[in-house]
Amino acid sequence: MRVLIAMSGGVDSSVAALMMKNAGHEVVGATMKLWGGVSDSGCCSVSDVADARMVAGRIGIDHHVFNFTEEFESNVVDHYVKSYSSGLTPNPCIECNRKIKFDLFIDRALRLGFDMVATGHYARVEERVDGFHLLRGIDPKKDQSYVISMLNQQRLGRLILPIGDFPKEQVREIAKDAGLITASKPDSQDVCFIASTTSRVEFLSKRTAVHEGVIVDSDTGSELGKVEAIETVTIGQRRGLGTVGDSKRRYVIEVRNDERKIVMGTLDDTYASMLHFGDLATTLGPIEEGSHVMIQTSSHGYVKGGTFWFDRVELDEPIRKVAPGQTVAFYRDDEVLGSGVVR
């Protein structure tokens, strides 16, 4: 079987490539060049491409670089900027997975004559009688099923996730035993297109208009302070808003971009018993309305239960409000049912 492995230059995709090669497949590695600007973090640096190439050479496979910088700019960076300008809090890594890594990359692989694509994500794909099922990785601390929860049958049917059955510690041991230079390389954490020396406000202000916002108290309506860019404030935020004039602990419970106003309240005000969403994508088929599901609203966030409806989830118990623009993933046991975008 001909397999194209997406190699980010990290230990996970390095070991995934090694496993595919050791399984006897015809394997070729490819690294996606995504960001054309300054980067010293995330997974888009020049050194990452070099590391991926060295690993490919070590395990004896060809390595290529796919230039998706224009597509990344239009589908991920522009989406990031427009979302903040509209009062939403985007997740650029999920958009990159949705539009680039599991869309353009898979399409490129198929056009080049590959049968399957492999990546180093901690999740599992199982083929059953009724189709392909997306499951959590067995390492709960590293499970990445949330960030690929939008994948459909067409994509899942072309995807191999070799390390989903392994804990992270074992993956590093495999890399070490094989002499891979990425064995002890730290995981990438930051947004790849914003350098560590650049603030989010600075990045956005170069690409769109940002506006000063007034902070007000939810009970009294009194002014508590101001922020430099209301576009960067998100629901539930407490820190980074400057002084509010007293010692009370407050949280952002509403952002009114059109009024340039940020409403802050107590911790109790940050909880909600209903979560609304749109842009539903399912992995296998329709999710039955009125059925009980588990939800996850961040990569390693708490899992909570609720009753699923077409555009909302009625929660078993209140949870902290989720910022509009974030992704909510739906699960039943360890299986991903799909995901939506919080409204």
C-alpha atoms as a PDB file:
ATOM      1  CA  MET A   1       0.000   0.000   0.000  1.00  0.00           C
ATOM      2  CA  ARG A   2       1.287   3.480  -0.881  1.00  0.00           C
ATOM      3  CA  VAL A   3       1.125   5.792   2.130  1.00  0.00           C
ATOM      4  CA  LEU A   4       1.889   9.509   2.298  1.00  0.00           C
ATOM      5  CA  ILE A   5       2.840  10.490   5.839  1.00  0.00           C
ATOM      6  CA  ALA A   6       2.407  14.096   6.989  1.00  0.00           C
ATOM      7  CA  MET A   7       5.645  14.904   8.805  1.00  0.00           C
ATOM      8  CA  SER A   8       5.563  18.015  10.983  1.00  0.00           C
ATOM      9  CA  GLY A   9       9.112  17.656  12.262  1.00  0.00           C
ATOM     10  CA  GLY A  10       7.944  16.418  15.675  1.00  0.00           C
ATOM     11  CA  VAL A  11       8.376  13.091  17.414  1.00  0.00           C
ATOM     12  CA  ASP A  12       4.797  11.885  16.847  1.00  0.00           C
ATOM     13  CA  SER A  13       4.787  12.068  13.042  1.00  0.00           C
ATOM     14  CA  SER A  14       8.362  10.766  13.002  1.00  0.00           C
ATOM     15  CA  VAL A  15       7.328   7.585  14.809  1.00  0.00           C
ATOM     16  CA  ALA A  16       4.172   7.301  12.683  1.00  0.00           C
ATOM     17  CA  ALA A  17       6.392   7.306   9.582  1.00  0.00           C
ATOM     18  CA  LEU A  18       8.701   4.702  11.106  1.00  0.00           C
ATOM     19  CA  MET A  19       5.753   2.444  11.954  1.00  0.00           C
ATOM     20  CA  MET A  20       4.367   2.662   8.443  1.00  0.00           C
ATOM     21  CA  LYS A  21       7.766   1.816   6.976  1.00  0.00           C
ATOM     22  CA  ASN A  22       8.277  -1.112   9.379  1.00  0.00           C
ATOM     23  CA  ALA A  23       4.803  -2.435   8.477  1.00  0.00           C
ATOM     24  CA  GLY A  24       6.045  -2.948   4.927  1.00  0.00           C
ATOM     25  CA  HIS A  25       4.208  -0.116   3.189  1.00  0.00           C
ATOM     26  CA  GLU A  26       5.609   2.055   0.424  1.00  0.00           C
ATOM     27  CA  VAL A  27       5.996   5.254   2.427  1.00  0.00           C
ATOM     28  CA  VAL A  28       6.810   8.816   1.400  1.00  0.00           C
ATOM     29  CA  GLY A  29       7.059  11.733   3.813  1.00  0.00           C
ATOM     30  CA  ALA A  30       5.757  15.240   3.142  1.00  0.00           C
ATOM     31  CA  THR A  31       5.982  18.392   5.228  1.00  0.00           C
ATOM     32  CA  MET A  32       3.531  21.206   4.686  1.00  0.00           C
ATOM     33  CA  LYS A  33       4.977  24.699   4.423  1.00  0.00           C
ATOM     34  CA  LEU A  34       2.110  26.733   5.775  1.00  0.00           C
ATOM     35  CA  TRP A  35       3.205  30.080   7.104  1.00  0.00           C
ATOM     36  CA  GLY A  36       5.322  32.438   5.063  1.00  0.00           C
ATOM     37  CA  GLY A  37       5.890  35.019   7.804  1.00  0.00           C
ATOM     38  CA  VAL A  38       8.061  35.162  10.902  1.00  0.00           C
ATOM     39  CA  SER A  39       7.663  32.119  13.136  1.00  0.00           C
ATOM     40  CA  ASP A  40       9.619  30.940  16.153  1.00  0.00           C
ATOM     41  CA  SER A  41       6.970  28.684  17.662  1.00  0.00           C
ATOM     42  CA  GLY A  42       4.249  26.221  16.763  1.00  0.00           C
ATOM     43  CA  CYS A  43       4.824  23.758  13.919  1.00  0.00           C
ATOM     44  CA  CYS A  44       5.741  25.941  10.950  1.00  0.00           C
ATOM     45  CA  SER A  45       9.377  26.872  11.488  1.00  0.00           C
ATOM     46  CA  VAL A  46      12.216  26.229   9.036  1.00  0.00           C
ATOM     47  CA  SER A  47      13.887  23.958  11.580  1.00  0.00           C
ATOM     48  CA  ASP A  48      10.828  21.701  11.622  1.00  0.00           C
ATOM     49  CA  VAL A  49      11.186  21.056   7.885  1.00  0.00           C
ATOM     50  CA  ALA A  50      14.860  20.240   8.398  1.00  0.00           C
ATOM     51  CA  ASP A  51      14.061  17.847  11.256  1.00  0.00           C
ATOM     52  CA  ALA A  52      11.432  16.061   9.169  1.00  0.00           C
ATOM     53  CA  ARG A  53      13.873  15.679   6.276  1.00  0.00           C
ATOM     54  CA  MET A  54      16.553  14.244   8.586  1.00  0.00           C
ATOM     55  CA  VAL A  55      14.102  11.738  10.087  1.00  0.00           C
ATOM     56  CA  ALA A  56      12.992  10.664   6.613  1.00  0.00           C
ATOM     57  CA  GLY A  57      16.612  10.085   5.664  1.00  0.00           C
ATOM     58  CA  ARG A  58      17.213   8.117   8.858  1.00  0.00           C
ATOM     59  CA  ILE A  59      14.350   5.694   8.240  1.00  0.00           C
ATOM     60  CA  GLY A  60      14.985   5.502   4.494  1.00  0.00           C
ATOM     61  CA  ILE A  61      12.034   7.203   2.852  1.00  0.00           C
ATOM     62  CA  ASP A  62      11.752  10.057   0.370  1.00  0.00           C
ATOM     63  CA  HIS A  63      10.725  13.452   1.690  1.00  0.00           C
ATOM     64  CA  HIS A  64       8.950  16.353  -0.020  1.00  0.00           C
ATOM     65  CA  VAL A  65       7.685  19.796   0.951  1.00  0.00           C
ATOM     66  CA  PHE A  66       4.202  20.930  -0.091  1.00  0.00           C
ATOM     67  CA  ASN A  67       3.794  24.693  -0.245  1.00  0.00           C
ATOM     68  CA  PHE A  68       0.333  25.608   1.042  1.00  0.00           C
ATOM     69  CA  THR A  69       1.182  29.134   2.206  1.00  0.00           C
ATOM     70  CA  GLU A  70      -1.467  30.879   0.079  1.00  0.00           C
ATOM     71  CA  GLU A  71      -4.177  28.431   1.120  1.00  0.00           C
ATOM     72  CA  PHE A  72      -3.131  28.713   4.763  1.00  0.00           C
ATOM     73  CA  GLU A  73      -3.245  32.491   4.600  1.00  0.00           C
ATOM     74  CA  SER A  74      -6.737  32.581   3.084  1.00  0.00           C
ATOM     75  CA  ASN A  75      -8.320  29.710   5.013  1.00  0.00           C
ATOM     76  CA  VAL A  76      -6.674  29.911   8.428  1.00  0.00           C
ATOM     77  CA  VAL A  77      -5.041  33.303   9.040  1.00  0.00           C
ATOM     78  CA  ASP A  78      -7.793  35.349   7.373  1.00  0.00           C
ATOM     79  CA  HIS A  79     -10.410  33.276   9.214  1.00  0.00           C
ATOM     80  CA  TYR A  80      -8.582  33.977  12.489  1.00  0.00           C
ATOM     81  CA  VAL A  81      -8.554  37.729  11.882  1.00  0.00           C
ATOM     82  CA  LYS A  82     -12.149  37.935  10.629  1.00  0.00           C
ATOM     83  CA  SER A  83     -13.393  35.874  13.561  1.00  0.00           C
ATOM     84  CA  TYR A  84     -11.860  38.189  16.146  1.00  0.00           C
ATOM     85  CA  SER A  85     -13.164  41.201  14.247  1.00  0.00           C
ATOM     86  CA  SER A  86     -16.661  39.693  14.470  1.00  0.00           C
ATOM     87  CA  GLY A  87     -16.497  39.045  18.217  1.00  0.00           C
ATOM     88  CA  LEU A  88     -15.680  35.341  17.890  1.00  0.00           C
ATOM     89  CA  THR A  89     -12.830  33.371  19.447  1.00  0.00           C
ATOM     90  CA  PRO A  90     -11.427  31.076  16.736  1.00  0.00           C
ATOM     91  CA  ASN A  91      -9.358  27.909  17.035  1.00  0.00           C
ATOM     92  CA  PRO A  92      -6.789  28.197  14.225  1.00  0.00           C
ATOM     93  CA  CYS A  93      -5.405  24.680  14.734  1.00  0.00           C
ATOM     94  CA  ILE A  94      -8.825  23.152  14.112  1.00  0.00           C
ATOM     95  CA  GLU A  95      -9.330  25.315  11.019  1.00  0.00           C
ATOM     96  CA  CYS A  96      -5.922  24.208   9.771  1.00  0.00           C
ATOM     97  CA  ASN A  97      -6.939  20.583  10.234  1.00  0.00           C
ATOM     98  CA  ARG A  98     -10.299  21.189   8.574  1.00  0.00           C
ATOM     99  CA  LYS A  99      -9.108  23.132   5.527  1.00  0.00           C
ATOM    100  CA  ILE A 100      -5.466  22.168   5.048  1.00  0.00           C
ATOM    101  CA  LYS A 101      -4.138  19.024   6.737  1.00  0.00           C
ATOM    102  CA  PHE A 102      -7.193  16.836   6.178  1.00  0.00           C
ATOM    103  CA  ASP A 103      -8.493  18.460   3.031  1.00  0.00           C
ATOM    104  CA  LEU A 104      -5.814  19.834   0.703  1.00  0.00           C
ATOM    105  CA  PHE A 105      -3.194  17.354   1.905  1.00  0.00           C
ATOM    106  CA  ILE A 106      -5.403  14.299   1.407  1.00  0.00           C
ATOM    107  CA  ASP A 107      -6.542  15.564  -2.004  1.00  0.00           C
ATOM    108  CA  ARG A 108      -2.915  16.091  -3.029  1.00  0.00           C
ATOM    109  CA  ALA A 109      -2.035  12.581  -1.863  1.00  0.00           C
ATOM    110  CA  LEU A 110      -4.833  11.013  -3.901  1.00  0.00           C
ATOM    111  CA  ARG A 111      -3.862  12.961  -7.026  1.00  0.00           C
ATOM    112  CA  LEU A 112      -0.304  11.689  -6.606  1.00  0.00           C
ATOM    113  CA  GLY A 113      -1.525   8.107  -6.540  1.00  0.00           C
ATOM    114  CA  PHE A 114      -1.269   7.314  -2.830  1.00  0.00           C
ATOM    115  CA  ASP A 115      -3.793   4.955  -1.283  1.00  0.00           C
ATOM    116  CA  MET A 116      -3.772   6.353   2.242  1.00  0.00           C
ATOM    117  CA  VAL A 117      -2.532   9.248   4.346  1.00  0.00           C
ATOM    118  CA  ALA A 118      -1.004   8.824   7.803  1.00  0.00           C
ATOM    119  CA  THR A 119      -0.460  11.431  10.531  1.00  0.00           C
ATOM    120  CA  GLY A 120       0.932  11.480  14.042  1.00  0.00           C
ATOM    121  CA  HIS A 121      -2.330  12.324  15.822  1.00  0.00           C
ATOM    122  CA  TYR A 122      -3.269  10.559  19.047  1.00  0.00           C
ATOM    123  CA  ALA A 123      -6.594   9.131  17.926  1.00  0.00           C
ATOM    124  CA  ARG A 124      -7.817   5.933  16.275  1.00  0.00           C
ATOM    125  CA  VAL A 125      -9.805   5.026  13.162  1.00  0.00           C
ATOM    126  CA  GLU A 126     -11.593   1.674  13.162  1.00  0.00           C
ATOM    127  CA  GLU A 127     -13.312   0.211  10.121  1.00  0.00           C
ATOM    128  CA  ARG A 128     -16.521  -1.624  11.002  1.00  0.00           C
ATOM    129  CA  VAL A 129     -19.442  -3.026   9.034  1.00  0.00           C
ATOM    130  CA  ASP A 130     -21.255   0.328   9.035  1.00  0.00           C
ATOM    131  CA  GLY A 131     -18.260   2.498   8.202  1.00  0.00           C
ATOM    132  CA  PHE A 132     -15.228   4.194   9.725  1.00  0.00           C
ATOM    133  CA  HIS A 133     -15.353   5.135  13.394  1.00  0.00           C
ATOM    134  CA  LEU A 134     -13.199   7.849  14.972  1.00  0.00           C
ATOM    135  CA  LEU A 135     -12.103   6.999  18.525  1.00  0.00           C
ATOM    136  CA  ARG A 136     -10.043   8.653  21.226  1.00  0.00           C
ATOM    137  CA  GLY A 137      -6.360   7.797  21.505  1.00  0.00           C
ATOM    138  CA  ILE A 138      -5.607   5.461  24.389  1.00  0.00           C
ATOM    139  CA  ASP A 139      -3.413   8.049  26.141  1.00  0.00           C
ATOM    140  CA  PRO A 140      -5.977  10.335  27.825  1.00  0.00           C
ATOM    141  CA  LYS A 141      -3.397  13.059  28.425  1.00  0.00           C
ATOM    142  CA  LYS A 142      -2.494  13.253  24.733  1.00  0.00           C
ATOM    143  CA  ASP A 143      -5.784  12.332  23.028  1.00  0.00           C
ATOM    144  CA  GLN A 144      -6.293  14.535  19.948  1.00  0.00           C
ATOM    145  CA  SER A 145      -9.659  13.298  18.730  1.00  0.00           C
ATOM    146  CA  TYR A 146     -11.145  16.704  19.599  1.00  0.00           C
ATOM    147  CA  VAL A 147      -9.069  18.590  17.020  1.00  0.00           C
ATOM    148  CA  ILE A 148     -10.067  16.207  14.198  1.00  0.00           C
ATOM    149  CA  SER A 149     -13.694  15.785  15.280  1.00  0.00           C
ATOM    150  CA  MET A 150     -14.946  17.368  12.034  1.00  0.00           C
ATOM    151  CA  LEU A 151     -13.704  14.536   9.780  1.00  0.00           C
ATOM    152  CA  ASN A 152     -16.306  12.711   7.688  1.00  0.00           C
ATOM    153  CA  GLN A 153     -16.417   9.221   6.206  1.00  0.00           C
ATOM    154  CA  GLN A 154     -14.626  10.278   3.027  1.00  0.00           C
ATOM    155  CA  ARG A 155     -11.629  11.567   5.004  1.00  0.00           C
ATOM    156  CA  LEU A 156     -11.610   8.882   7.686  1.00  0.00           C
ATOM    157  CA  GLY A 157     -11.596   6.192   5.004  1.00  0.00           C
ATOM    158  CA  ARG A 158      -8.259   7.493   3.730  1.00  0.00           C
ATOM    159  CA  LEU A 159      -6.622   8.007   7.106  1.00  0.00           C
ATOM    160  CA  ILE A 160      -4.238   5.901   9.196  1.00  0.00           C
ATOM    161  CA  LEU A 161      -3.307   7.003  12.728  1.00  0.00           C
ATOM    162  CA  PRO A 162      -0.429   4.681  13.695  1.00  0.00           C
ATOM    163  CA  ILE A 163       0.325   6.010  17.200  1.00  0.00           C
ATOM    164  CA  GLY A 164      -3.235   6.217  18.526  1.00  0.00           C
ATOM    165  CA  ASP A 165      -2.791   2.900  20.341  1.00  0.00           C
ATOM    166  CA  PHE A 166       0.356   4.037  22.166  1.00  0.00           C
ATOM    167  CA  PRO A 167       1.048   6.294  25.163  1.00  0.00           C
ATOM    168  CA  LYS A 168       3.308   9.279  24.566  1.00  0.00           C
ATOM    169  CA  GLU A 169       6.111   7.864  26.711  1.00  0.00           C
ATOM    170  CA  GLN A 170       6.278   4.761  24.533  1.00  0.00           C
ATOM    171  CA  VAL A 171       6.293   6.846  21.357  1.00  0.00           C
ATOM    172  CA  ARG A 172       9.346   8.722  22.628  1.00  0.00           C
ATOM    173  CA  GLU A 173      11.023   5.447  23.541  1.00  0.00           C
ATOM    174  CA  ILE A 174      10.429   4.092  20.027  1.00  0.00           C
ATOM    175  CA  ALA A 175      11.967   7.248  18.578  1.00  0.00           C
ATOM    176  CA  LYS A 176      14.940   7.013  20.932  1.00  0.00           C
ATOM    177  CA  ASP A 177      15.578   3.346  20.124  1.00  0.00           C
ATOM    178  CA  ALA A 178      15.474   4.177  16.401  1.00  0.00           C
ATOM    179  CA  GLY A 179      17.950   7.037  16.810  1.00  0.00           C
ATOM    180  CA  LEU A 180      15.532   9.719  15.603  1.00  0.00           C
ATOM    181  CA  ILE A 181      16.636  13.278  16.342  1.00  0.00           C
ATOM    182  CA  THR A 182      13.088  14.222  17.334  1.00  0.00           C
ATOM    183  CA  ALA A 183      12.949  11.731  20.243  1.00  0.00           C
ATOM    184  CA  SER A 184      13.214  14.393  22.941  1.00  0.00           C
ATOM    185  CA  LYS A 185      11.876  17.353  20.947  1.00  0.00           C
ATOM    186  CA  PRO A 186       9.232  19.321  22.914  1.00  0.00           C
ATOM    187  CA  ASP A 187       5.649  19.394  21.643  1.00  0.00           C
ATOM    188  CA  SER A 188       4.555  22.542  19.810  1.00  0.00           C
ATOM    189  CA  GLN A 189       2.029  24.597  21.764  1.00  0.00           C
ATOM    190  CA  ASP A 190       1.572  28.056  20.296  1.00  0.00           C
ATOM    191  CA  VAL A 191      -0.210  29.539  17.307  1.00  0.00           C
ATOM    192  CA  CYS A 192       2.374  29.008  14.576  1.00  0.00           C
ATOM    193  CA  PHE A 193       1.821  32.298  12.752  1.00  0.00           C
ATOM    194  CA  ILE A 194       2.253  34.601  15.761  1.00  0.00           C
ATOM    195  CA  ALA A 195       5.850  34.889  16.939  1.00  0.00           C
ATOM    196  CA  SER A 196       6.525  34.756  20.680  1.00  0.00           C
ATOM    197  CA  THR A 197       7.712  38.374  20.552  1.00  0.00           C
ATOM    198  CA  THR A 198       4.427  39.552  18.992  1.00  0.00           C
ATOM    199  CA  SER A 199       1.220  40.072  20.957  1.00  0.00           C
ATOM    200  CA  ARG A 200      -2.157  39.095  19.599  1.00  0.00           C
ATOM    201  CA  VAL A 201      -3.201  42.764  19.605  1.00  0.00           C
ATOM    202  CA  GLU A 202      -0.131  43.686  17.577  1.00  0.00           C
ATOM    203  CA  PHE A 203      -0.738  40.895  15.071  1.00  0.00           C
ATOM    204  CA  LEU A 204      -4.399  41.772  14.586  1.00  0.00           C
ATOM    205  CA  SER A 205      -3.824  45.520  14.394  1.00  0.00           C
ATOM    206  CA  LYS A 206      -1.605  45.029  11.332  1.00  0.00           C
ATOM    207  CA  ARG A 207      -4.384  43.174   9.535  1.00  0.00           C
ATOM    208  CA  THR A 208      -7.618  44.758  10.708  1.00  0.00           C
ATOM    209  CA  ALA A 209      -8.950  47.687  12.707  1.00  0.00           C
ATOM    210  CA  VAL A 210      -8.963  47.171  16.482  1.00  0.00           C
ATOM    211  CA  HIS A 211     -11.021  49.273  18.851  1.00  0.00           C
ATOM    212  CA  GLU A 212     -10.816  50.372  22.446  1.00  0.00           C
ATOM    213  CA  GLY A 213     -13.460  48.819  24.658  1.00  0.00           C
ATOM    214  CA  VAL A 214     -15.104  49.948  27.873  1.00  0.00           C
ATOM    215  CA  ILE A 215     -15.444  47.477  30.757  1.00  0.00           C
ATOM    216  CA  VAL A 216     -18.678  47.725  32.734  1.00  0.00           C
ATOM    217  CA  ASP A 217     -20.122  45.934  35.759  1.00  0.00           C
ATOM    218  CA  SER A 218     -23.086  43.668  35.009  1.00  0.00           C
ATOM    219  CA  ASP A 219     -25.037  44.746  38.112  1.00  0.00           C
ATOM    220  CA  THR A 220     -24.441  48.467  38.302  1.00  0.00           C
ATOM    221  CA  GLY A 221     -23.415  49.328  34.765  1.00  0.00           C
ATOM    222  CA  SER A 222     -20.585  51.398  36.178  1.00  0.00           C
ATOM    223  CA  GLU A 223     -17.366  51.725  34.221  1.00  0.00           C
ATOM    224  CA  LEU A 224     -14.531  49.573  35.527  1.00  0.00           C
ATOM    225  CA  GLY A 225     -11.804  50.307  33.005  1.00  0.00           C
ATOM    226  CA  LYS A 226     -10.828  50.075  29.357  1.00  0.00           C
ATOM    227  CA  VAL A 227      -9.032  47.653  27.054  1.00  0.00           C
ATOM    228  CA  GLU A 228      -6.837  48.430  24.067  1.00  0.00           C
ATOM    229  CA  ALA A 229      -8.577  46.017  21.682  1.00  0.00           C
ATOM    230  CA  ILE A 230     -12.050  44.685  22.394  1.00  0.00           C
ATOM    231  CA  GLU A 231     -11.562  42.219  19.521  1.00  0.00           C
ATOM    232  CA  THR A 232      -9.136  40.183  21.656  1.00  0.00           C
ATOM    233  CA  VAL A 233     -11.380  39.807  24.705  1.00  0.00           C
ATOM    234  CA  THR A 234     -13.109  36.464  25.163  1.00  0.00           C
ATOM    235  CA  ILE A 235     -15.923  35.042  27.271  1.00  0.00           C
ATOM    236  CA  GLY A 236     -14.763  33.854  30.681  1.00  0.00           C
ATOM    237  CA  GLN A 237     -11.586  35.938  30.631  1.00  0.00           C
ATOM    238  CA  ARG A 238     -10.407  37.397  33.948  1.00  0.00           C
ATOM    239  CA  ARG A 239      -6.764  38.307  33.494  1.00  0.00           C
ATOM    240  CA  GLY A 240      -5.137  40.774  31.142  1.00  0.00           C
ATOM    241  CA  LEU A 241      -7.861  43.410  31.369  1.00  0.00           C
ATOM    242  CA  GLY A 242      -6.027  45.894  33.568  1.00  0.00           C
ATOM    243  CA  THR A 243      -7.292  47.319  36.828  1.00  0.00           C
ATOM    244  CA  VAL A 244     -11.022  47.432  37.470  1.00  0.00           C
ATOM    245  CA  GLY A 245     -10.838  49.663  40.507  1.00  0.00           C
ATOM    246  CA  ASP A 246     -11.502  47.235  43.367  1.00  0.00           C
ATOM    247  CA  SER A 247     -10.568  43.798  44.674  1.00  0.00           C
ATOM    248  CA  LYS A 248     -13.663  41.940  43.441  1.00  0.00           C
ATOM    249  CA  ARG A 249     -12.974  38.969  41.183  1.00  0.00           C
ATOM    250  CA  ARG A 250     -14.850  39.447  37.926  1.00  0.00           C
ATOM    251  CA  TYR A 251     -15.102  37.555  34.650  1.00  0.00           C
ATOM    252  CA  VAL A 252     -16.131  38.546  31.134  1.00  0.00           C
ATOM    253  CA  ILE A 253     -19.699  37.336  30.618  1.00  0.00           C
ATOM    254  CA  GLU A 254     -20.558  39.270  27.453  1.00  0.00           C
ATOM    255  CA  VAL A 255     -18.693  41.080  24.681  1.00  0.00           C
ATOM    256  CA  ARG A 256     -20.734  43.632  22.727  1.00  0.00           C
ATOM    257  CA  ASN A 257     -18.521  44.534  19.804  1.00  0.00           C
ATOM    258  CA  ASP A 258     -21.073  46.843  18.213  1.00  0.00           C
ATOM    259  CA  GLU A 259     -21.243  48.901  21.439  1.00  0.00           C
ATOM    260  CA  ARG A 260     -17.512  48.562  22.195  1.00  0.00           C
ATOM    261  CA  LYS A 261     -18.544  47.267  25.593  1.00  0.00           C
ATOM    262  CA  ILE A 262     -17.342  44.379  27.774  1.00  0.00           C
ATOM    263  CA  VAL A 263     -19.648  43.189  30.539  1.00  0.00           C
ATOM    264  CA  MET A 264     -18.094  41.602  33.607  1.00  0.00           C
ATOM    265  CA  GLY A 265     -19.842  39.629  36.326  1.00  0.00           C
ATOM    266  CA  THR A 266     -19.267  37.088  39.047  1.00  0.00           C
ATOM    267  CA  LEU A 267     -18.129  33.497  38.669  1.00  0.00           C
ATOM    268  CA  ASP A 268     -21.759  32.347  38.920  1.00  0.00           C
ATOM    269  CA  ASP A 269     -22.593  34.551  35.930  1.00  0.00           C
ATOM    270  CA  THR A 270     -20.151  32.594  33.755  1.00  0.00           C
ATOM    271  CA  TYR A 271     -22.175  29.367  33.941  1.00  0.00           C
ATOM    272  CA  ALA A 272     -24.855  28.237  31.491  1.00  0.00           C
ATOM    273  CA  SER A 273     -27.118  25.191  31.223  1.00  0.00           C
ATOM    274  CA  MET A 274     -27.495  25.370  27.429  1.00  0.00           C
ATOM    275  CA  LEU A 275     -24.890  25.407  24.670  1.00  0.00           C
ATOM    276  CA  HIS A 276     -25.872  26.558  21.175  1.00  0.00           C
ATOM    277  CA  PHE A 277     -23.896  25.623  18.075  1.00  0.00           C
ATOM    278  CA  GLY A 278     -23.988  25.646  14.280  1.00  0.00           C
ATOM    279  CA  ASP A 279     -22.026  24.170  11.362  1.00  0.00           C
ATOM    280  CA  LEU A 280     -22.604  20.616  12.559  1.00  0.00           C
ATOM    281  CA  ALA A 281     -20.310  17.989  11.012  1.00  0.00           C
ATOM    282  CA  THR A 282     -20.751  14.300  11.820  1.00  0.00           C
ATOM    283  CA  THR A 283     -18.248  11.468  11.494  1.00  0.00           C
ATOM    284  CA  LEU A 284     -20.581   8.583  10.640  1.00  0.00           C
ATOM    285  CA  GLY A 285     -24.142   9.784  10.252  1.00  0.00           C
ATOM    286  CA  PRO A 286     -26.852  11.902  11.897  1.00  0.00           C
ATOM    287  CA  ILE A 287     -26.790  12.187  15.684  1.00  0.00           C
ATOM    288  CA  GLU A 288     -30.191  11.232  17.039  1.00  0.00           C
ATOM    289  CA  GLU A 289     -32.043  14.212  18.474  1.00  0.00           C
ATOM    290  CA  GLY A 290     -32.929  13.763  22.125  1.00  0.00           C
ATOM    291  CA  SER A 291     -30.059  11.323  22.659  1.00  0.00           C
ATOM    292  CA  HIS A 292     -27.571  11.672  25.471  1.00  0.00           C
ATOM    293  CA  VAL A 293     -24.039  12.679  24.452  1.00  0.00           C
ATOM    294  CA  MET A 294     -20.843  13.781  26.126  1.00  0.00           C
ATOM    295  CA  ILE A 295     -19.320  17.074  25.039  1.00  0.00           C
ATOM    296  CA  GLN A 296     -15.803  18.473  25.045  1.00  0.00           C
ATOM    297  CA  THR A 297     -15.115  22.146  24.356  1.00  0.00           C
ATOM    298  CA  SER A 298     -11.312  22.296  24.328  1.00  0.00           C
ATOM    299  CA  SER A 299      -8.415  20.021  23.433  1.00  0.00           C
ATOM    300  CA  HIS A 300      -7.993  18.673  26.940  1.00  0.00           C
ATOM    301  CA  GLY A 301     -11.052  20.102  28.627  1.00  0.00           C
ATOM    302  CA  TYR A 302     -13.480  18.424  30.962  1.00  0.00           C
ATOM    303  CA  VAL A 303     -16.083  16.121  29.430  1.00  0.00           C
ATOM    304  CA  LYS A 304     -19.691  16.890  30.354  1.00  0.00           C
ATOM    305  CA  GLY A 305     -23.013  15.241  29.518  1.00  0.00           C
ATOM    306  CA  GLY A 306     -26.124  16.623  27.885  1.00  0.00           C
ATOM    307  CA  THR A 307     -29.093  16.016  25.614  1.00  0.00           C
ATOM    308  CA  PHE A 308     -28.373  16.602  21.944  1.00  0.00           C
ATOM    309  CA  TRP A 309     -30.635  18.653  19.705  1.00  0.00           C
ATOM    310  CA  PHE A 310     -30.027  19.889  16.180  1.00  0.00           C
ATOM    311  CA  ASP A 311     -28.630  23.271  17.220  1.00  0.00           C
ATOM    312  CA  ARG A 312     -28.050  22.994  20.965  1.00  0.00           C
ATOM    313  CA  VAL A 313     -27.154  20.776  23.881  1.00  0.00           C
ATOM    314  CA  GLU A 314     -29.181  20.846  27.084  1.00  0.00           C
ATOM    315  CA  LEU A 315     -26.537  20.179  29.712  1.00  0.00           C
ATOM    316  CA  ASP A 316     -26.930  17.789  32.626  1.00  0.00           C
ATOM    317  CA  GLU A 317     -25.395  20.459  34.828  1.00  0.00           C
ATOM    318  CA  PRO A 318     -24.255  24.029  34.164  1.00  0.00           C
ATOM    319  CA  ILE A 319     -20.779  24.567  32.713  1.00  0.00           C
ATOM    320  CA  ARG A 320     -18.615  27.627  32.215  1.00  0.00           C
ATOM    321  CA  LYS A 321     -19.785  29.510  29.128  1.00  0.00           C
ATOM    322  CA  VAL A 322     -17.880  28.675  25.957  1.00  0.00           C
ATOM    323  CA  ALA A 323     -16.710  31.519  23.743  1.00  0.00           C
ATOM    324  CA  PRO A 324     -18.546  31.766  20.402  1.00  0.00           C
ATOM    325  CA  GLY A 325     -16.294  30.511  17.607  1.00  0.00           C
ATOM    326  CA  GLN A 326     -14.875  27.627  19.616  1.00  0.00           C
ATOM    327  CA  THR A 327     -15.519  23.994  18.692  1.00  0.00           C
ATOM    328  CA  VAL A 328     -17.718  21.615  20.677  1.00  0.00           C
ATOM    329  CA  ALA A 329     -17.129  17.913  20.008  1.00  0.00           C
ATOM    330  CA  PHE A 330     -19.751  15.239  20.686  1.00  0.00           C
ATOM    331  CA  TYR A 331     -18.865  11.804  22.031  1.00  0.00           C
ATOM    332  CA  ARG A 332     -20.496   8.535  23.011  1.00  0.00           C
ATOM    333  CA  ASP A 333     -18.082   6.631  25.230  1.00  0.00           C
ATOM    334  CA  ASP A 334     -14.722   6.873  23.379  1.00  0.00           C
ATOM    335  CA  GLU A 335     -16.232   7.512  19.971  1.00  0.00           C
ATOM    336  CA  VAL A 336     -16.434  10.893  18.266  1.00  0.00           C
ATOM    337  CA  LEU A 337     -19.887  11.554  16.826  1.00  0.00           C
ATOM    338  CA  GLY A 338     -19.092  14.929  15.310  1.00  0.00           C
ATOM    339  CA  SER A 339     -18.632  18.573  16.199  1.00  0.00           C
ATOM    340  CA  GLY A 340     -20.073  22.045  15.787  1.00  0.00           C
ATOM    341  CA  VAL A 341     -19.053  25.669  16.221  1.00  0.00           C
ATOM    342  CA  VAL A 342     -20.343  27.423  19.335  1.00  0.00           C
ATOM    343  CA  ARG A 343     -22.699  30.324  18.786  1.00  0.00           C
END
